Amino acid sequence: MKSILRLALILTAIAASSSLSGQSTPNPNWPRFRGPNGDGVAEDDPRLPLRWSRTQNLAWKTEIPGQGWSCPVVWDNRVFLTTVVSEKKTDKPKKGLYQGLGVRKPRSGRHAWQVYCLDLRSGDILWKRTVHAGEPAVPRHPKASYANETPATDGKRLYVLFGDLGLYCFDLDGKPLWSHKIEPKATLWDYGAAASPIVHEDRVIMVYDNQEESYIASYDAATGKQRWKRKRDEPSTWATPYIWKNPLRTELVVCGRNKNRAYDLQGNVLWEFNGLMSSLVIPSPFAKDGLLYLTSGYIGDPIRPVFAIKPGANGKWKLPENPADDEHIEWYLRKGGPYNASPIVYQGRYYTLFDRGFISCHDAKTGQEIYGKTRFAPGATFTASPWAYNGKLFCISEEGTTYVVEPGSRFQVLHQNKLDELTIATPAISQGRLLIRTYSSIYCFTNKP
C-alpha cells in the first residue's frame, strides 16, 4: 500500500512539473488565440484531417457578413468570433505587404461591431450580438479590419476586445455581463490595435500599446472591476500577451518595442530588458519545453531578433553586444524574426514562417540551424500563424492554400489544400474539427468515414 501511495505522489509531482515547464496541457477546447497553451499545437486526434477542400472532408460552411480577422475560439459545442459590418461597401483587402501608411481617414458610414456564436457540430448561428453601432473613430491598416482581436473564454464567460472601442463580457448564451469603454488613441501609421485579450484564472488581461498613452490592465473576470492598470513606456505594438507558467512562478509576458517585460499577476514588473526588437512588434510570445520565445521581424529592419529565454530572470538589465552571452538568454538570432506570423515549436524544432513565402527551422533548445529560409511556392504570402497536429505542420497562405509540411531535418511539403479565398486569420482546432476563417466564411473540416 505504501509503495502504491509513493508511486501516486511521484506521478503527481511529475505531472505538476511538466505543466509548469511549458509543456502542453491537454484541453479539448480552443479558448484563445493559438489555442489553450498559446503555441499553436493541438492534441493529436484521428478525426483531424490532413486533406481538405471546399468539398473534401467539409463538415459545414457558414458565411459571416462584414470584415473580421479575429480567429475562432471554441468551448464545448460553441464557436465564437467577431466581425464589423458596414452599411457602405468597403474595399476588399489585398494580399501581400503594404509598405508605409495605413488608411489615413476612418472609414465612413455606419458600422456594427458584432459577436457571433455558432454550433460546432452544424455551423448554425446560435446567437449574435451588436456591441456598438456608429462611424469608426480611428483609421485602420489597409489589410486589417475593425475586428482584429481574437476573443477569449474560460468556459464560464466570453471576453471580447475591439481594440480601439471596448472590452465586453458575455455569458456563453450571449447575455451581456459587463463592459469597459476604451478611449481610442493614435497608433503608428494609423494601423489601429490588434493585440488579443487573455484570461487566466479569475482575471482578464489586455494591453493597448499606442502612440499616446500605452497601458496594460487586469479586470475581474466575473464582475469586470479593474484590478490594476499600469502605464507602459511603449509605442504601438500588436503582440498578444502570454501567461508563462514555469517551474519558478507564473509570469505575464508582454513584448515591447522599447523593452520586453514580465509582470507578476498583480502588475508588478518582474524583469525587463532593452528589447532590441524590430520597429513593428507583432508575433506573440510563447513557451515550450522550459524556454520562452520572443521575436519580431519587420522586413525593413536590419535587426529581426529571436530570443530564447530561461526562467529565473529578475530586475532590469541591458543586453550585451552579443545577446547570446547574456545569462538569461539560452540562444539568440539576430535576423531570424518573422513579420506577422508567430513561430511554432514542434517535435523539438523551432519553425519560423515568413510573410514572403519562406520557412526556416532551428533546434528549439540550441538555436542551431537545421535548414535556412526555404520557399514554399512562387507568389505565396503568409499572415496567419502555423499550427500542428498528428505529426504534421500546417501553414496557410493568404490565398487560402494550406501547405502540409513533414517535420524533420529537411523541408518537405506533402500536399496542398486549396480554398482559393483570402485567409489571414489563424485556424482553430477542437474536438476533431479544424476551423478555418476566410474573408467571407468559416469552414469546418473533419475526417469523414
Protein backbone atom coordinates (compact mmCIF):
# COMPACT_ATOMS: atom_id res chain seq x y z
CA MET A 1 0.00 0.00 0.00
CA LYS A 2 2.84 2.39 0.87
CA SER A 3 4.55 1.70 -2.45
CA ILE A 4 1.34 2.46 -4.35
CA LEU A 5 0.94 5.74 -2.46
CA ARG A 6 4.58 6.65 -3.10
CA LEU A 7 4.12 5.97 -6.84
CA ALA A 8 0.99 8.14 -6.91
CA LEU A 9 2.86 11.02 -5.28
CA ILE A 10 5.74 10.69 -7.77
CA LEU A 11 3.36 10.72 -10.74
CA THR A 12 1.56 13.76 -9.34
CA ALA A 13 4.86 15.62 -8.96
CA ILE A 14 5.92 14.72 -12.49
CA ALA A 15 2.62 15.96 -13.89
CA ALA A 16 2.88 19.23 -11.98
CA SER A 17 6.46 19.77 -13.12
CA SER A 18 5.50 19.10 -16.73
CA SER A 19 2.63 21.60 -16.66
CA LEU A 20 4.94 24.30 -15.30
CA SER A 21 7.74 23.84 -17.81
CA GLY A 22 5.91 24.96 -20.92
CA GLN A 23 4.60 21.52 -21.87
CA SER A 24 1.17 21.39 -23.46
CA THR A 25 -1.76 20.93 -21.10
CA PRO A 26 -4.47 18.64 -22.54
CA ASN A 27 -7.58 20.65 -23.39
CA PRO A 28 -10.23 19.68 -25.95
CA ASN A 29 -11.26 23.33 -26.27
CA TRP A 30 -9.54 26.18 -28.12
CA PRO A 31 -10.18 29.12 -25.76
CA ARG A 32 -7.79 31.83 -27.04
CA PHE A 33 -5.51 32.91 -29.88
CA ARG A 34 -3.30 29.93 -30.84
CA GLY A 35 -5.07 27.52 -28.53
CA PRO A 36 -5.06 26.59 -24.84
CA ASN A 37 -1.28 26.93 -24.48
CA GLY A 38 -0.85 29.83 -26.90
CA ASP A 39 1.59 27.82 -29.02
CA GLY A 40 -0.48 26.59 -31.98
CA VAL A 41 -0.05 22.88 -31.17
CA ALA A 42 -3.23 20.80 -30.93
CA GLU A 43 -3.77 17.39 -29.42
CA ASP A 44 -3.46 14.53 -31.88
CA ASP A 45 -6.82 13.20 -33.00
CA PRO A 46 -7.55 10.75 -35.84
CA ARG A 47 -10.61 12.82 -36.75
CA LEU A 48 -8.43 15.79 -37.73
CA PRO A 49 -7.88 15.90 -41.49
CA LEU A 50 -4.65 16.10 -43.47
CA ARG A 51 -6.54 16.83 -46.69
CA TRP A 52 -9.46 19.16 -47.33
CA SER A 53 -11.03 21.42 -49.94
CA ARG A 54 -14.32 23.22 -50.49
CA THR A 55 -15.91 19.77 -50.70
CA GLN A 56 -13.46 17.20 -49.28
CA ASN A 57 -13.84 16.48 -45.55
CA LEU A 58 -16.12 19.52 -45.24
CA ALA A 59 -18.49 19.25 -42.27
CA TRP A 60 -20.09 22.67 -42.80
CA LYS A 61 -19.52 26.20 -44.06
CA THR A 62 -21.15 29.34 -42.66
CA GLU A 63 -20.95 32.78 -44.22
CA ILE A 64 -20.03 35.63 -41.87
CA PRO A 65 -21.01 39.14 -43.03
CA GLY A 66 -18.72 42.15 -42.79
CA GLN A 67 -14.98 42.08 -42.22
CA GLY A 68 -13.08 40.50 -39.37
CA TRP A 69 -9.77 38.73 -38.90
CA SER A 70 -10.36 37.56 -35.34
CA CYS A 71 -9.65 33.85 -35.06
CA PRO A 72 -12.42 31.47 -33.99
CA VAL A 73 -12.33 30.18 -30.41
CA VAL A 74 -14.18 27.11 -29.15
CA TRP A 75 -15.68 25.92 -25.90
CA ASP A 76 -17.67 22.68 -25.84
CA ASN A 77 -20.15 22.97 -28.71
CA ARG A 78 -19.83 26.74 -29.22
CA VAL A 79 -17.66 28.62 -31.71
CA PHE A 80 -17.13 32.35 -31.13
CA LEU A 81 -15.80 35.05 -33.44
CA THR A 82 -16.28 38.74 -34.22
CA THR A 83 -16.93 40.93 -37.25
CA VAL A 84 -17.74 44.51 -38.17
CA VAL A 85 -20.45 45.13 -40.75
CA SER A 86 -20.54 48.40 -42.72
CA GLU A 87 -23.62 49.88 -44.35
CA LYS A 88 -21.37 51.02 -47.18
CA LYS A 89 -19.33 48.84 -49.47
CA THR A 90 -15.71 48.67 -48.31
CA ASP A 91 -12.60 47.84 -50.29
CA LYS A 92 -11.63 44.19 -50.05
CA PRO A 93 -8.16 43.76 -48.51
CA LYS A 94 -5.40 42.60 -50.82
CA LYS A 95 -2.76 40.01 -50.06
CA GLY A 96 0.92 40.79 -49.75
CA LEU A 97 2.87 43.51 -47.97
CA TYR A 98 1.75 47.11 -47.63
CA GLN A 99 4.77 49.38 -47.45
CA GLY A 100 4.07 52.53 -45.46
CA LEU A 101 0.96 54.21 -44.11
CA GLY A 102 -2.43 52.85 -43.23
CA VAL A 103 -5.79 54.23 -44.32
CA ARG A 104 -5.39 57.83 -43.18
CA LYS A 105 -9.07 58.59 -42.52
CA PRO A 106 -11.60 56.45 -40.61
CA ARG A 107 -13.94 54.57 -42.88
CA SER A 108 -17.23 56.37 -43.40
CA GLY A 109 -20.75 55.13 -42.84
CA ARG A 110 -22.46 53.32 -40.02
CA HIS A 111 -20.63 50.20 -38.80
CA ALA A 112 -21.92 47.47 -36.48
CA TRP A 113 -19.42 45.70 -34.19
CA GLN A 114 -20.78 42.18 -33.75
CA VAL A 115 -20.13 38.94 -31.85
CA TYR A 116 -21.20 35.60 -33.33
CA CYS A 117 -21.76 32.22 -31.69
CA LEU A 118 -22.02 29.13 -33.92
CA ASP A 119 -22.83 25.49 -33.26
CA LEU A 120 -19.62 23.46 -33.62
CA ARG A 121 -21.46 20.42 -35.00
CA SER A 122 -23.68 22.12 -37.58
CA GLY A 123 -22.35 25.65 -38.15
CA ASP A 124 -25.77 27.09 -37.32
CA ILE A 125 -25.75 30.58 -35.82
CA LEU A 126 -26.86 30.19 -32.18
CA TRP A 127 -26.76 33.91 -31.41
CA LYS A 128 -25.22 37.20 -32.42
CA ARG A 129 -24.90 40.46 -30.54
CA THR A 130 -24.13 44.01 -31.64
CA VAL A 131 -22.00 45.79 -29.03
CA HIS A 132 -21.77 49.14 -30.80
CA ALA A 133 -23.03 50.91 -33.92
CA GLY A 134 -21.74 54.12 -35.46
CA GLU A 135 -18.92 55.55 -37.53
CA PRO A 136 -15.37 54.38 -36.73
CA ALA A 137 -13.31 56.84 -34.69
CA VAL A 138 -9.89 55.76 -35.95
CA PRO A 139 -8.28 54.54 -39.21
CA ARG A 140 -7.02 51.04 -39.88
CA HIS A 141 -4.25 49.19 -41.67
CA PRO A 142 -5.50 48.63 -45.25
CA LYS A 143 -5.31 44.84 -44.86
CA ALA A 144 -6.78 44.80 -41.36
CA SER A 145 -10.34 45.12 -40.06
CA TYR A 146 -12.07 46.67 -37.06
CA ALA A 147 -12.35 43.13 -35.64
CA ASN A 148 -8.72 42.01 -35.45
CA GLU A 149 -8.63 40.81 -31.84
CA THR A 150 -9.43 37.17 -31.08
CA PRO A 151 -11.89 36.62 -28.19
CA ALA A 152 -11.02 34.52 -25.13
CA THR A 153 -13.13 32.28 -22.92
CA ASP A 154 -12.75 30.37 -19.67
CA GLY A 155 -15.82 28.20 -20.22
CA LYS A 156 -17.89 30.45 -17.96
CA ARG A 157 -17.85 33.68 -19.90
CA LEU A 158 -16.73 35.11 -23.25
CA TYR A 159 -14.39 38.11 -23.32
CA VAL A 160 -14.39 40.19 -26.49
CA LEU A 161 -11.99 43.03 -27.25
CA PHE A 162 -12.45 45.53 -30.04
CA GLY A 163 -9.12 47.25 -29.61
CA ASP A 164 -9.99 50.94 -30.06
CA LEU A 165 -13.57 50.61 -28.83
CA GLY A 166 -14.10 48.47 -25.74
CA LEU A 167 -13.79 45.24 -23.75
CA TYR A 168 -17.04 43.27 -23.47
CA CYS A 169 -18.10 40.23 -21.44
CA PHE A 170 -20.96 37.84 -22.16
CA ASP A 171 -22.15 34.58 -20.74
CA LEU A 172 -21.95 31.73 -23.22
CA ASP A 173 -25.61 32.18 -24.14
CA GLY A 174 -24.96 35.74 -25.25
CA LYS A 175 -26.19 37.68 -22.22
CA PRO A 176 -24.14 40.89 -21.73
CA LEU A 177 -22.50 40.91 -18.28
CA TRP A 178 -20.13 43.89 -18.22
CA SER A 179 -18.11 46.17 -20.46
CA HIS A 180 -15.37 48.82 -20.44
CA LYS A 181 -15.14 51.60 -22.97
CA ILE A 182 -11.71 52.22 -24.47
CA GLU A 183 -10.71 55.73 -25.44
CA PRO A 184 -9.20 55.41 -28.94
CA LYS A 185 -5.62 56.60 -29.36
CA ALA A 186 -3.40 57.28 -32.34
CA THR A 187 -1.39 54.27 -33.46
CA LEU A 188 1.75 54.03 -35.53
CA TRP A 189 0.99 54.86 -39.18
CA ASP A 190 -2.73 54.66 -38.29
CA TYR A 191 -2.59 50.87 -38.23
CA GLY A 192 -5.01 50.51 -35.29
CA ALA A 193 -4.94 47.94 -32.50
CA ALA A 194 -4.74 44.14 -32.77
CA ALA A 195 -3.47 42.51 -29.53
CA SER A 196 -5.97 39.93 -28.25
CA PRO A 197 -7.11 39.61 -24.62
CA ILE A 198 -6.17 36.63 -22.46
CA VAL A 199 -7.92 35.14 -19.46
CA HIS A 200 -6.08 33.50 -16.56
CA GLU A 201 -7.88 32.04 -13.56
CA ASP A 202 -10.21 34.83 -12.42
CA ARG A 203 -8.79 37.76 -14.39
CA VAL A 204 -8.91 39.15 -17.92
CA ILE A 205 -5.81 40.93 -19.21
CA MET A 206 -5.44 43.29 -22.15
CA VAL A 207 -2.65 45.50 -23.48
CA TYR A 208 -3.12 48.66 -25.55
CA ASP A 209 0.18 49.99 -26.88
CA ASN A 210 -0.28 53.15 -28.94
CA GLN A 211 1.42 56.46 -29.73
CA GLU A 212 -0.19 58.45 -26.90
CA GLU A 213 -0.84 56.53 -23.67
CA SER A 214 0.05 52.85 -23.65
CA TYR A 215 -1.09 50.59 -20.81
CA ILE A 216 -1.74 47.06 -19.63
CA ALA A 217 -4.75 46.31 -17.42
CA SER A 218 -6.30 43.44 -15.48
CA TYR A 219 -10.02 43.02 -14.77
CA ASP A 220 -12.01 40.71 -12.54
CA ALA A 221 -13.46 38.10 -14.89
CA ALA A 222 -16.81 37.84 -13.09
CA THR A 223 -17.53 41.49 -12.30
CA GLY A 224 -15.37 43.47 -14.71
CA LYS A 225 -13.91 45.51 -11.87
CA GLN A 226 -10.46 46.82 -12.75
CA ARG A 227 -7.86 45.20 -10.51
CA TRP A 228 -4.90 47.18 -11.77
CA LYS A 229 -3.66 49.28 -14.66
CA ARG A 230 -0.03 50.06 -15.46
CA LYS A 231 1.35 52.64 -17.87
CA ARG A 232 3.79 51.33 -20.45
CA ASP A 233 6.62 53.37 -21.91
CA GLU A 234 5.98 51.87 -25.33
CA PRO A 235 4.90 52.95 -28.81
CA SER A 236 2.41 50.87 -30.78
CA THR A 237 2.74 47.10 -30.68
CA TRP A 238 0.34 44.33 -31.70
CA ALA A 239 1.56 41.20 -29.87
CA THR A 240 -0.87 39.28 -27.64
CA PRO A 241 0.32 38.87 -24.00
CA TYR A 242 1.25 35.43 -22.69
CA ILE A 243 0.97 33.67 -19.32
CA TRP A 244 4.20 31.75 -18.72
CA LYS A 245 3.92 29.02 -16.08
CA ASN A 246 7.49 27.94 -15.43
CA PRO A 247 8.94 25.89 -12.54
CA LEU A 248 9.66 29.05 -10.55
CA ARG A 249 6.50 31.14 -10.89
CA THR A 250 3.72 32.39 -13.17
CA GLU A 251 4.65 35.40 -15.31
CA LEU A 252 2.68 37.72 -17.57
CA VAL A 253 4.96 38.29 -20.57
CA VAL A 254 4.50 41.26 -22.90
CA CYS A 255 6.71 42.18 -25.84
CA GLY A 256 7.61 45.81 -26.46
CA ARG A 257 9.45 47.99 -28.95
CA ASN A 258 11.50 49.61 -26.18
CA LYS A 259 11.60 46.77 -23.65
CA ASN A 260 10.41 43.21 -23.26
CA ARG A 261 8.83 42.70 -19.84
CA ALA A 262 7.34 40.14 -17.48
CA TYR A 263 4.85 41.17 -14.80
CA ASP A 264 3.53 39.28 -11.82
CA LEU A 265 -0.23 38.79 -11.58
CA GLN A 266 -0.52 41.99 -9.52
CA GLY A 267 1.01 44.07 -12.29
CA ASN A 268 4.49 44.47 -10.81
CA VAL A 269 7.43 44.20 -13.20
CA LEU A 270 9.47 41.05 -12.55
CA TRP A 271 12.06 41.66 -15.27
CA GLU A 272 12.67 43.80 -18.29
CA PHE A 273 15.44 44.26 -20.83
CA ASN A 274 16.10 46.62 -23.69
CA GLY A 275 14.14 44.99 -26.46
CA LEU A 276 16.43 45.39 -29.46
CA MET A 277 13.21 44.45 -31.25
CA SER A 278 12.29 45.45 -34.78
CA SER A 279 10.20 48.60 -35.29
CA LEU A 280 6.94 46.63 -35.63
CA VAL A 281 6.29 44.09 -32.87
CA ILE A 282 3.54 41.66 -33.95
CA PRO A 283 4.35 37.94 -33.23
CA SER A 284 3.13 36.78 -29.84
CA PRO A 285 5.41 35.29 -27.16
CA PHE A 286 5.01 31.64 -26.20
CA ALA A 287 6.83 28.95 -24.21
CA LYS A 288 7.72 25.34 -24.89
CA ASP A 289 9.79 22.78 -23.00
CA GLY A 290 11.03 25.27 -20.43
CA LEU A 291 12.04 28.13 -22.75
CA LEU A 292 10.23 31.39 -23.52
CA TYR A 293 10.42 32.64 -27.12
CA LEU A 294 10.20 36.35 -28.04
CA THR A 295 10.61 37.69 -31.56
CA SER A 296 9.81 40.45 -34.03
CA GLY A 297 10.76 40.90 -37.65
CA TYR A 298 9.65 43.89 -39.67
CA ILE A 299 11.16 43.21 -43.09
CA GLY A 300 12.72 46.67 -43.43
CA ASP A 301 14.81 46.43 -40.25
CA PRO A 302 18.43 45.26 -40.05
CA ILE A 303 17.76 43.50 -36.71
CA ARG A 304 14.92 40.96 -36.60
CA PRO A 305 15.68 39.13 -33.34
CA VAL A 306 14.70 35.84 -31.76
CA PHE A 307 15.28 35.38 -28.02
CA ALA A 308 15.02 32.03 -26.23
CA ILE A 309 14.83 32.99 -22.55
CA LYS A 310 15.47 30.84 -19.49
CA PRO A 311 13.30 31.00 -16.35
CA GLY A 312 14.52 32.89 -13.31
CA ALA A 313 15.24 36.41 -14.58
CA ASN A 314 14.76 39.33 -12.19
CA GLY A 315 15.14 43.09 -12.36
CA LYS A 316 16.25 45.30 -15.22
CA TRP A 317 19.14 44.53 -17.49
CA LYS A 318 20.74 45.63 -20.72
CA LEU A 319 21.77 43.10 -23.30
CA PRO A 320 25.47 42.85 -24.12
CA GLU A 321 26.78 43.46 -27.63
CA ASN A 322 26.20 39.78 -28.32
CA PRO A 323 22.86 38.98 -26.64
CA ALA A 324 23.68 35.26 -26.73
CA ASP A 325 26.27 35.97 -23.99
CA ASP A 326 23.59 37.18 -21.58
CA GLU A 327 23.00 34.86 -18.63
CA HIS A 328 19.23 34.98 -19.16
CA ILE A 329 19.35 34.08 -22.87
CA GLU A 330 19.63 30.43 -23.91
CA TRP A 331 20.10 31.33 -27.59
CA TYR A 332 19.66 34.30 -29.89
CA LEU A 333 19.28 35.02 -33.62
CA ARG A 334 19.98 38.47 -34.98
CA LYS A 335 17.95 38.12 -38.20
CA GLY A 336 15.52 35.28 -37.62
CA GLY A 337 12.27 37.01 -36.68
CA PRO A 338 9.05 36.92 -38.74
CA TYR A 339 6.91 39.96 -39.51
CA ASN A 340 3.33 38.77 -38.78
CA ALA A 341 3.10 35.05 -38.07
CA SER A 342 4.03 33.76 -34.61
CA PRO A 343 6.59 30.91 -34.73
CA ILE A 344 5.90 27.38 -33.55
CA VAL A 345 7.91 24.70 -31.73
CA TYR A 346 7.02 21.15 -32.75
CA GLN A 347 8.87 17.90 -32.13
CA GLY A 348 11.88 19.78 -30.77
CA ARG A 349 12.21 22.15 -33.73
CA TYR A 350 11.57 25.89 -33.90
CA TYR A 351 9.84 26.87 -37.16
CA THR A 352 9.58 30.44 -38.48
CA LEU A 353 7.04 31.32 -41.18
CA PHE A 354 7.90 34.45 -43.18
CA ASP A 355 5.38 36.71 -44.92
CA ARG A 356 7.08 36.48 -48.30
CA GLY A 357 6.62 32.73 -48.59
CA PHE A 358 9.60 31.21 -46.77
CA ILE A 359 10.08 28.94 -43.77
CA SER A 360 13.16 28.19 -41.65
CA CYS A 361 13.89 25.58 -38.99
CA HIS A 362 16.17 25.63 -35.94
CA ASP A 363 16.81 23.36 -32.99
CA ALA A 364 14.43 24.61 -30.30
CA LYS A 365 16.90 24.01 -27.46
CA THR A 366 20.08 25.36 -29.01
CA GLY A 367 19.03 27.63 -31.88
CA GLN A 368 21.29 25.71 -34.29
CA GLU A 369 20.05 25.99 -37.86
CA ILE A 370 18.53 22.82 -39.29
CA TYR A 371 17.63 24.43 -42.59
CA GLY A 372 17.62 28.07 -43.67
CA LYS A 373 14.92 30.11 -45.39
CA THR A 374 13.23 27.87 -47.94
CA ARG A 375 10.48 28.95 -50.33
CA PHE A 376 7.06 27.30 -50.44
CA ALA A 377 5.95 28.36 -53.92
CA PRO A 378 6.40 31.46 -56.09
CA GLY A 379 3.92 34.15 -55.08
CA ALA A 380 2.84 32.56 -51.80
CA THR A 381 2.42 35.04 -48.92
CA PHE A 382 1.54 34.41 -45.26
CA THR A 383 -0.05 36.29 -42.36
CA ALA A 384 -1.71 33.51 -40.30
CA SER A 385 0.43 31.61 -37.80
CA PRO A 386 1.30 27.93 -38.38
CA TRP A 387 -0.24 25.08 -36.38
CA ALA A 388 0.45 21.38 -35.84
CA TYR A 389 -1.23 18.06 -35.03
CA ASN A 390 -0.93 14.36 -35.88
CA GLY A 391 2.78 14.65 -36.65
CA LYS A 392 2.36 17.35 -39.31
CA LEU A 393 2.96 21.09 -39.58
CA PHE A 394 0.41 23.31 -41.38
CA CYS A 395 0.93 26.75 -42.96
CA ILE A 396 -2.00 28.55 -44.62
CA SER A 397 -1.20 31.23 -47.18
CA GLU A 398 -3.17 34.39 -47.82
CA GLU A 399 -4.51 32.68 -50.96
CA GLY A 400 -6.17 30.09 -48.73
CA THR A 401 -3.72 27.30 -49.63
CA THR A 402 -2.58 25.16 -46.71
CA TYR A 403 0.84 23.56 -47.14
CA VAL A 404 1.12 20.32 -45.18
CA VAL A 405 4.75 20.01 -44.09
CA GLU A 406 6.59 16.91 -42.90
CA PRO A 407 8.61 17.91 -39.79
CA GLY A 408 12.22 16.88 -39.98
CA SER A 409 15.75 17.79 -40.94
CA ARG A 410 14.79 18.82 -44.47
CA PHE A 411 11.91 20.84 -45.90
CA GLN A 412 9.23 18.65 -47.45
CA VAL A 413 5.70 19.66 -48.50
CA LEU A 414 3.46 16.60 -48.59
CA HIS A 415 0.50 18.23 -50.33
CA GLN A 416 -1.58 21.40 -50.64
CA ASN A 417 -5.18 22.02 -49.58
CA LYS A 418 -6.77 24.89 -51.53
CA LEU A 419 -9.71 27.12 -50.65
CA ASP A 420 -8.92 29.91 -53.14
CA GLU A 421 -10.01 32.75 -50.86
CA LEU A 422 -8.16 35.43 -48.89
CA THR A 423 -7.19 34.00 -45.49
CA ILE A 424 -5.44 35.97 -42.76
CA ALA A 425 -6.91 34.54 -39.53
CA THR A 426 -5.12 31.66 -37.77
CA PRO A 427 -7.29 28.49 -37.66
CA ALA A 428 -8.69 26.82 -34.54
CA ILE A 429 -8.65 23.09 -33.70
CA SER A 430 -11.05 21.44 -31.29
CA GLN A 431 -12.70 18.07 -30.74
CA GLY A 432 -11.54 16.56 -34.02
CA ARG A 433 -12.50 19.60 -36.08
CA LEU A 434 -10.42 22.18 -37.93
CA LEU A 435 -11.95 25.66 -38.27
CA ILE A 436 -10.62 27.99 -40.97
CA ARG A 437 -11.89 31.54 -41.33
CA THR A 438 -11.64 33.13 -44.76
CA TYR A 439 -12.66 36.59 -45.95
CA SER A 440 -16.32 35.59 -46.31
CA SER A 441 -16.89 32.41 -44.31
CA ILE A 442 -15.84 29.97 -41.66
CA TYR A 443 -15.20 26.36 -42.75
CA CYS A 444 -15.28 23.29 -40.51
CA PHE A 445 -13.32 20.22 -41.65
CA THR A 446 -13.15 16.75 -40.16
CA ASN A 447 -12.27 13.29 -41.49
CA LYS A 448 -15.36 11.65 -42.84
CA PRO A 449 -15.84 7.86 -42.65
